[in-house]
Amino acid sequence: MHKLLTMMLVAFAGLSVFACGTAGAAPGELAAGLLLAQGEMTGLGAGLAAGLAVVGAGIGIGRIGGDAVQAIARQPEMAGRIFINMILTAALVEGVALFAVIVGVIALGKV
């Protein structure tokens, strides 16, 4: 969890550097620079959102699978029901991640 928080803070710092890149420009160049930076930031944000959605889904599905294996080890007679619930939950998590990736791609196309 600590590593994930550190990665998110580094990503935010990188985005802040991109946003402040036009600070030394002349007033006439500032408007054009801000429009360019806004377009670049939209693409970067769409990619970052899609990537975080995939990473989150991977972590979630890994936890679902690990917990299902532990539950089956504790109660082998319930293996069938646990497996069905595990597959259903993993499919729902994957559906949300796919939706987030598609939204990111659509946002990238509107740049």
Protein backbone atom coordinates (compact mmCIF):
# COMPACT_ATOMS: atom_id res chain seq x y z
CA MET A 1 0.00 0.00 0.00
CA HIS A 2 2.89 2.32 0.82
CA LYS A 3 4.48 1.71 -2.60
CA LEU A 4 1.19 2.44 -4.37
CA LEU A 5 0.79 5.72 -2.48
CA THR A 6 4.36 6.67 -3.38
CA MET A 7 3.74 5.92 -7.07
CA MET A 8 0.58 8.02 -7.04
CA LEU A 9 2.41 10.97 -5.43
CA VAL A 10 5.19 10.76 -8.02
CA ALA A 11 2.59 10.69 -10.82
CA PHE A 12 0.86 13.73 -9.35
CA ALA A 13 4.17 15.58 -9.11
CA GLY A 14 4.87 14.78 -12.76
CA LEU A 15 1.47 16.10 -13.77
CA SER A 16 2.12 19.28 -11.79
CA VAL A 17 5.37 19.82 -13.69
CA PHE A 18 3.51 19.49 -17.01
CA ALA A 19 0.86 21.97 -15.86
CA CYS A 20 3.45 24.57 -14.80
CA GLY A 21 5.55 24.27 -17.98
CA THR A 22 4.15 27.49 -19.50
CA ALA A 23 4.84 29.72 -16.50
CA GLY A 24 7.74 31.64 -18.11
CA ALA A 25 6.03 32.32 -21.46
CA ALA A 26 5.06 35.74 -22.79
CA PRO A 27 1.35 36.71 -22.53
CA GLY A 28 0.70 36.06 -26.23
CA GLU A 29 2.42 32.69 -26.11
CA LEU A 30 0.77 31.77 -22.84
CA ALA A 31 -2.68 31.16 -24.35
CA ALA A 32 -1.31 28.90 -27.08
CA GLY A 33 0.88 27.11 -24.56
CA LEU A 34 -2.02 26.53 -22.20
CA LEU A 35 -4.18 25.11 -25.00
CA LEU A 36 -1.37 22.77 -25.99
CA ALA A 37 -0.74 21.79 -22.37
CA GLN A 38 -4.45 21.19 -21.85
CA GLY A 39 -4.56 18.82 -24.82
CA GLU A 40 -1.46 17.00 -23.65
CA MET A 41 -2.79 16.77 -20.13
CA THR A 42 -6.06 15.27 -21.36
CA GLY A 43 -4.19 12.51 -23.15
CA LEU A 44 -1.93 11.93 -20.18
CA GLY A 45 -4.89 11.85 -17.83
CA ALA A 46 -6.78 9.39 -20.04
CA GLY A 47 -3.77 7.07 -20.16
CA LEU A 48 -3.21 7.37 -16.43
CA ALA A 49 -6.87 6.61 -15.69
CA ALA A 50 -6.89 3.56 -17.95
CA GLY A 51 -3.63 2.29 -16.45
CA LEU A 52 -4.80 2.73 -12.87
CA ALA A 53 -8.05 0.93 -13.70
CA VAL A 54 -6.14 -2.06 -15.05
CA VAL A 55 -3.77 -2.13 -12.07
CA GLY A 56 -6.70 -1.91 -9.66
CA ALA A 57 -8.54 -4.71 -11.43
CA GLY A 58 -5.43 -6.90 -11.35
CA ILE A 59 -5.02 -6.37 -7.62
CA GLY A 60 -8.73 -7.02 -7.02
CA ILE A 61 -8.87 -10.22 -9.08
CA GLY A 62 -5.68 -11.46 -7.41
CA ARG A 63 -7.21 -10.95 -3.98
CA ILE A 64 -10.45 -12.64 -5.05
CA GLY A 65 -8.55 -15.68 -6.32
CA GLY A 66 -6.30 -15.90 -3.27
CA ASP A 67 -9.16 -15.63 -0.82
CA ALA A 68 -11.17 -18.22 -2.77
CA VAL A 69 -8.28 -20.70 -2.61
CA GLN A 70 -7.99 -20.15 1.14
CA ALA A 71 -11.75 -20.65 1.57
CA ILE A 72 -11.66 -23.88 -0.46
CA ALA A 73 -8.71 -25.11 1.63
CA ARG A 74 -10.73 -24.52 4.80
CA GLN A 75 -13.98 -26.04 3.49
CA PRO A 76 -13.34 -28.37 0.54
CA GLU A 77 -16.99 -29.46 0.40
CA MET A 78 -18.00 -25.89 -0.61
CA ALA A 79 -15.50 -25.70 -3.51
CA GLY A 80 -18.19 -25.61 -6.22
CA ARG A 81 -20.15 -22.73 -4.71
CA ILE A 82 -17.01 -20.77 -3.85
CA PHE A 83 -15.68 -21.20 -7.39
CA ILE A 84 -18.93 -19.93 -8.94
CA ASN A 85 -18.99 -16.88 -6.67
CA MET A 86 -15.31 -16.23 -7.37
CA ILE A 87 -15.81 -16.28 -11.15
CA LEU A 88 -18.89 -14.03 -10.91
CA THR A 89 -17.10 -11.47 -8.74
CA ALA A 90 -13.98 -11.49 -10.93
CA ALA A 91 -16.15 -10.94 -14.02
CA LEU A 92 -17.81 -7.93 -12.40
CA VAL A 93 -14.44 -6.42 -11.44
CA GLU A 94 -13.11 -7.01 -14.97
CA GLY A 95 -16.23 -5.37 -16.44
CA VAL A 96 -15.68 -2.23 -14.40
CA ALA A 97 -12.02 -2.13 -15.46
CA LEU A 98 -12.95 -2.55 -19.13
CA PHE A 99 -15.48 0.27 -18.79
CA ALA A 100 -12.80 2.53 -17.30
CA VAL A 101 -10.36 1.72 -20.13
CA ILE A 102 -13.03 2.47 -22.76
CA VAL A 103 -13.84 5.81 -21.08
CA GLY A 104 -10.11 6.64 -21.14
CA VAL A 105 -9.88 5.80 -24.85
CA ILE A 106 -12.97 7.90 -25.62
CA ALA A 107 -11.52 10.83 -23.66
CA LEU A 108 -8.26 10.44 -25.58
CA GLY A 109 -10.14 10.55 -28.88
CA LYS A 110 -11.75 13.91 -28.01
CA VAL A 111 -8.39 15.71 -27.73
